[in-house]
Amino acid sequence: MTTHTMTPNLEERLKKLVEEHKALKDEPLLLAVYYAPERNPDDIFLFEVIENFGGGSLDEDQTLFEVTYGPTPGFPMAAGQLLHLVMTHPEELEAAVREEWVLAEELRTAFRKNQARVLFADKHKGQHLLSLINA
């Protein structure tokens, strides 16, 4: 099974997208990570921890919020390729790591396999959350 590789062009586009998300003041971005899980190896995955995301509630089904996007003029991709945006808030991430939710474990596995790259981490909360993921 092949895993998608971070190219300089892709990294630049993802960093631009992350910068746009950092500009949102109502829901401050705390952590953004590109990762390449084993599923959907041709797709692009971006994990974000956002303060106040989803009203601060925990998902009853123990599933982090994930949405997929196809290519757009601002974020072109190969035919059939999707961008998976996985989002959560700090409290939910802590629960997801502690309780080993599937998408949290997917992200932790990507870090262990050196298939994840931090694109942004807030100096305080972002770094703390990153340490939880990598514990």
C-alpha atoms as a PDB file:
ATOM      1  CA  MET A   1       0.000   0.000   0.000  1.00  0.00           C
ATOM      2  CA  THR A   2       1.433   3.379  -0.980  1.00  0.00           C
ATOM      3  CA  THR A   3       1.059   6.488   1.115  1.00  0.00           C
ATOM      4  CA  HIS A   4       0.671  10.000  -0.241  1.00  0.00           C
ATOM      5  CA  THR A   5       3.902  11.997  -0.114  1.00  0.00           C
ATOM      6  CA  MET A   6       4.167  15.638   0.937  1.00  0.00           C
ATOM      7  CA  THR A   7       5.631  17.532  -2.002  1.00  0.00           C
ATOM      8  CA  PRO A   8       6.940  21.108  -1.676  1.00  0.00           C
ATOM      9  CA  ASN A   9       4.017  22.322  -3.812  1.00  0.00           C
ATOM     10  CA  LEU A  10       1.469  20.534  -1.631  1.00  0.00           C
ATOM     11  CA  GLU A  11       3.100  21.788   1.554  1.00  0.00           C
ATOM     12  CA  GLU A  12       2.947  25.360   0.244  1.00  0.00           C
ATOM     13  CA  ARG A  13      -0.751  25.030  -0.626  1.00  0.00           C
ATOM     14  CA  LEU A  14      -1.571  23.478   2.751  1.00  0.00           C
ATOM     15  CA  LYS A  15       0.324  26.205   4.615  1.00  0.00           C
ATOM     16  CA  LYS A  16      -1.648  28.821   2.686  1.00  0.00           C
ATOM     17  CA  LEU A  17      -4.900  27.086   3.661  1.00  0.00           C
ATOM     18  CA  VAL A  18      -3.759  26.936   7.296  1.00  0.00           C
ATOM     19  CA  GLU A  19      -2.922  30.666   7.194  1.00  0.00           C
ATOM     20  CA  GLU A  20      -6.488  31.352   6.030  1.00  0.00           C
ATOM     21  CA  HIS A  21      -7.817  29.279   8.934  1.00  0.00           C
ATOM     22  CA  LYS A  22      -5.524  31.088  11.402  1.00  0.00           C
ATOM     23  CA  ALA A  23      -7.137  34.373  10.329  1.00  0.00           C
ATOM     24  CA  LEU A  24     -10.531  33.259  11.733  1.00  0.00           C
ATOM     25  CA  LYS A  25     -10.800  35.010  15.100  1.00  0.00           C
ATOM     26  CA  ASP A  26     -14.026  33.456  16.474  1.00  0.00           C
ATOM     27  CA  GLU A  27     -12.541  29.952  16.412  1.00  0.00           C
ATOM     28  CA  PRO A  28      -8.769  30.309  16.851  1.00  0.00           C
ATOM     29  CA  LEU A  29      -6.635  27.621  15.247  1.00  0.00           C
ATOM     30  CA  LEU A  30      -4.422  25.892  17.805  1.00  0.00           C
ATOM     31  CA  LEU A  31      -2.860  23.051  15.817  1.00  0.00           C
ATOM     32  CA  ALA A  32      -2.688  22.028  12.159  1.00  0.00           C
ATOM     33  CA  VAL A  33      -1.110  18.775  10.988  1.00  0.00           C
ATOM     34  CA  TYR A  34      -0.740  17.244   7.543  1.00  0.00           C
ATOM     35  CA  TYR A  35      -0.775  13.463   7.818  1.00  0.00           C
ATOM     36  CA  ALA A  36      -0.869  10.455   5.523  1.00  0.00           C
ATOM     37  CA  PRO A  37      -2.871   7.563   6.991  1.00  0.00           C
ATOM     38  CA  GLU A  38      -3.065   4.151   5.368  1.00  0.00           C
ATOM     39  CA  ARG A  39      -6.649   4.663   4.184  1.00  0.00           C
ATOM     40  CA  ASN A  40      -7.243   6.550   0.933  1.00  0.00           C
ATOM     41  CA  PRO A  41      -3.514   6.760   0.139  1.00  0.00           C
ATOM     42  CA  ASP A  42      -3.959   9.176  -2.771  1.00  0.00           C
ATOM     43  CA  ASP A  43      -5.966  11.692  -0.737  1.00  0.00           C
ATOM     44  CA  ILE A  44      -4.702  14.621   1.345  1.00  0.00           C
ATOM     45  CA  PHE A  45      -5.408  14.804   5.084  1.00  0.00           C
ATOM     46  CA  LEU A  46      -5.335  17.915   7.253  1.00  0.00           C
ATOM     47  CA  PHE A  47      -6.041  17.694  10.991  1.00  0.00           C
ATOM     48  CA  GLU A  48      -6.943  20.886  12.868  1.00  0.00           C
ATOM     49  CA  VAL A  49      -7.644  21.647  16.511  1.00  0.00           C
ATOM     50  CA  ILE A  50      -9.771  24.772  16.803  1.00  0.00           C
ATOM     51  CA  GLU A  51     -10.785  26.556  19.988  1.00  0.00           C
ATOM     52  CA  ASN A  52     -14.597  26.538  20.418  1.00  0.00           C
ATOM     53  CA  PHE A  53     -15.098  24.189  17.435  1.00  0.00           C
ATOM     54  CA  GLY A  54     -18.505  22.505  17.466  1.00  0.00           C
ATOM     55  CA  GLY A  55     -19.607  24.395  20.549  1.00  0.00           C
ATOM     56  CA  GLY A  56     -17.220  22.395  22.720  1.00  0.00           C
ATOM     57  CA  SER A  57     -19.320  19.233  22.738  1.00  0.00           C
ATOM     58  CA  LEU A  58     -17.953  15.684  22.595  1.00  0.00           C
ATOM     59  CA  ASP A  59     -19.197  13.416  19.828  1.00  0.00           C
ATOM     60  CA  GLU A  60     -21.394  10.659  21.286  1.00  0.00           C
ATOM     61  CA  ASP A  61     -20.172   8.202  18.638  1.00  0.00           C
ATOM     62  CA  GLN A  62     -16.526   8.931  19.473  1.00  0.00           C
ATOM     63  CA  THR A  63     -15.846  10.209  15.966  1.00  0.00           C
ATOM     64  CA  LEU A  64     -13.923  13.356  15.165  1.00  0.00           C
ATOM     65  CA  PHE A  65     -15.596  15.627  12.611  1.00  0.00           C
ATOM     66  CA  GLU A  66     -14.352  14.906   9.082  1.00  0.00           C
ATOM     67  CA  VAL A  67     -15.383  16.586   5.848  1.00  0.00           C
ATOM     68  CA  THR A  68     -14.006  16.009   2.359  1.00  0.00           C
ATOM     69  CA  TYR A  69     -13.539  18.504  -0.447  1.00  0.00           C
ATOM     70  CA  GLY A  70     -12.779  18.026  -4.106  1.00  0.00           C
ATOM     71  CA  PRO A  71     -10.518  20.319  -6.122  1.00  0.00           C
ATOM     72  CA  THR A  72     -11.237  24.051  -6.147  1.00  0.00           C
ATOM     73  CA  PRO A  73      -9.596  26.899  -8.073  1.00  0.00           C
ATOM     74  CA  GLY A  74      -7.772  27.852  -4.870  1.00  0.00           C
ATOM     75  CA  PHE A  75      -6.750  24.290  -4.029  1.00  0.00           C
ATOM     76  CA  PRO A  76      -6.275  22.187  -7.163  1.00  0.00           C
ATOM     77  CA  MET A  77      -5.782  18.439  -6.833  1.00  0.00           C
ATOM     78  CA  ALA A  78      -5.411  15.446  -9.099  1.00  0.00           C
ATOM     79  CA  ALA A  79      -8.501  13.908 -10.651  1.00  0.00           C
ATOM     80  CA  GLY A  80     -10.362  11.852  -8.057  1.00  0.00           C
ATOM     81  CA  GLN A  81      -8.247  13.197  -5.183  1.00  0.00           C
ATOM     82  CA  LEU A  82      -9.933  14.565  -2.059  1.00  0.00           C
ATOM     83  CA  LEU A  83      -8.882  16.806   0.807  1.00  0.00           C
ATOM     84  CA  HIS A  84      -9.982  15.323   4.145  1.00  0.00           C
ATOM     85  CA  LEU A  85     -10.309  17.995   6.810  1.00  0.00           C
ATOM     86  CA  VAL A  86     -10.528  16.470  10.299  1.00  0.00           C
ATOM     87  CA  MET A  87     -11.439  19.007  12.975  1.00  0.00           C
ATOM     88  CA  THR A  88     -11.914  19.019  16.716  1.00  0.00           C
ATOM     89  CA  HIS A  89     -11.484  21.188  19.816  1.00  0.00           C
ATOM     90  CA  PRO A  90      -8.979  20.695  22.658  1.00  0.00           C
ATOM     91  CA  GLU A  91     -11.295  18.927  25.108  1.00  0.00           C
ATOM     92  CA  GLU A  92     -12.546  16.497  22.480  1.00  0.00           C
ATOM     93  CA  LEU A  93      -8.995  15.748  21.322  1.00  0.00           C
ATOM     94  CA  GLU A  94      -7.980  14.974  24.898  1.00  0.00           C
ATOM     95  CA  ALA A  95     -10.920  12.551  25.216  1.00  0.00           C
ATOM     96  CA  ALA A  96     -10.200  11.044  21.787  1.00  0.00           C
ATOM     97  CA  VAL A  97      -6.581  10.335  22.679  1.00  0.00           C
ATOM     98  CA  ARG A  98      -7.408   9.029  26.157  1.00  0.00           C
ATOM     99  CA  GLU A  99     -10.238   6.801  24.864  1.00  0.00           C
ATOM    100  CA  GLU A 100      -8.395   5.800  21.655  1.00  0.00           C
ATOM    101  CA  TRP A 101     -10.969   7.031  19.143  1.00  0.00           C
ATOM    102  CA  VAL A 102     -10.322   5.724  15.629  1.00  0.00           C
ATOM    103  CA  LEU A 103      -9.304   9.018  13.973  1.00  0.00           C
ATOM    104  CA  ALA A 104      -7.126  10.023  16.923  1.00  0.00           C
ATOM    105  CA  GLU A 105      -5.329   6.688  16.700  1.00  0.00           C
ATOM    106  CA  GLU A 106      -4.979   7.130  12.940  1.00  0.00           C
ATOM    107  CA  LEU A 107      -3.214  10.449  13.530  1.00  0.00           C
ATOM    108  CA  ARG A 108      -0.997   9.025  16.292  1.00  0.00           C
ATOM    109  CA  THR A 109      -0.022   6.119  14.019  1.00  0.00           C
ATOM    110  CA  ALA A 110       0.894   8.556  11.242  1.00  0.00           C
ATOM    111  CA  PHE A 111       3.228  10.367  13.662  1.00  0.00           C
ATOM    112  CA  ARG A 112       4.809   7.085  14.774  1.00  0.00           C
ATOM    113  CA  LYS A 113       5.417   6.141  11.112  1.00  0.00           C
ATOM    114  CA  ASN A 114       6.872   9.570  10.330  1.00  0.00           C
ATOM    115  CA  GLN A 115       3.890  10.250   8.047  1.00  0.00           C
ATOM    116  CA  ALA A 116       2.786  13.489   9.743  1.00  0.00           C
ATOM    117  CA  ARG A 117       4.071  17.036   9.649  1.00  0.00           C
ATOM    118  CA  VAL A 118       3.078  19.910  11.938  1.00  0.00           C
ATOM    119  CA  LEU A 119       2.118  22.942   9.855  1.00  0.00           C
ATOM    120  CA  PHE A 120       1.160  25.150  12.807  1.00  0.00           C
ATOM    121  CA  ALA A 121       1.144  24.836  16.583  1.00  0.00           C
ATOM    122  CA  ASP A 122       0.062  27.600  18.943  1.00  0.00           C
ATOM    123  CA  LYS A 123       2.873  28.332  21.400  1.00  0.00           C
ATOM    124  CA  HIS A 124       0.917  27.182  24.430  1.00  0.00           C
ATOM    125  CA  LYS A 125      -2.197  25.110  23.749  1.00  0.00           C
ATOM    126  CA  GLY A 126      -1.024  23.784  20.383  1.00  0.00           C
ATOM    127  CA  GLN A 127       2.257  22.514  21.792  1.00  0.00           C
ATOM    128  CA  HIS A 128       0.425  20.900  24.716  1.00  0.00           C
ATOM    129  CA  LEU A 129      -2.011  19.136  22.374  1.00  0.00           C
ATOM    130  CA  LEU A 130       0.844  17.967  20.192  1.00  0.00           C
ATOM    131  CA  SER A 131       2.509  16.413  23.229  1.00  0.00           C
ATOM    132  CA  LEU A 132      -0.734  14.537  24.012  1.00  0.00           C
ATOM    133  CA  ILE A 133      -0.881  13.140  20.487  1.00  0.00           C
ATOM    134  CA  ASN A 134       2.739  12.022  20.629  1.00  0.00           C
ATOM    135  CA  ALA A 135       2.604  10.582  24.166  1.00  0.00           C
END
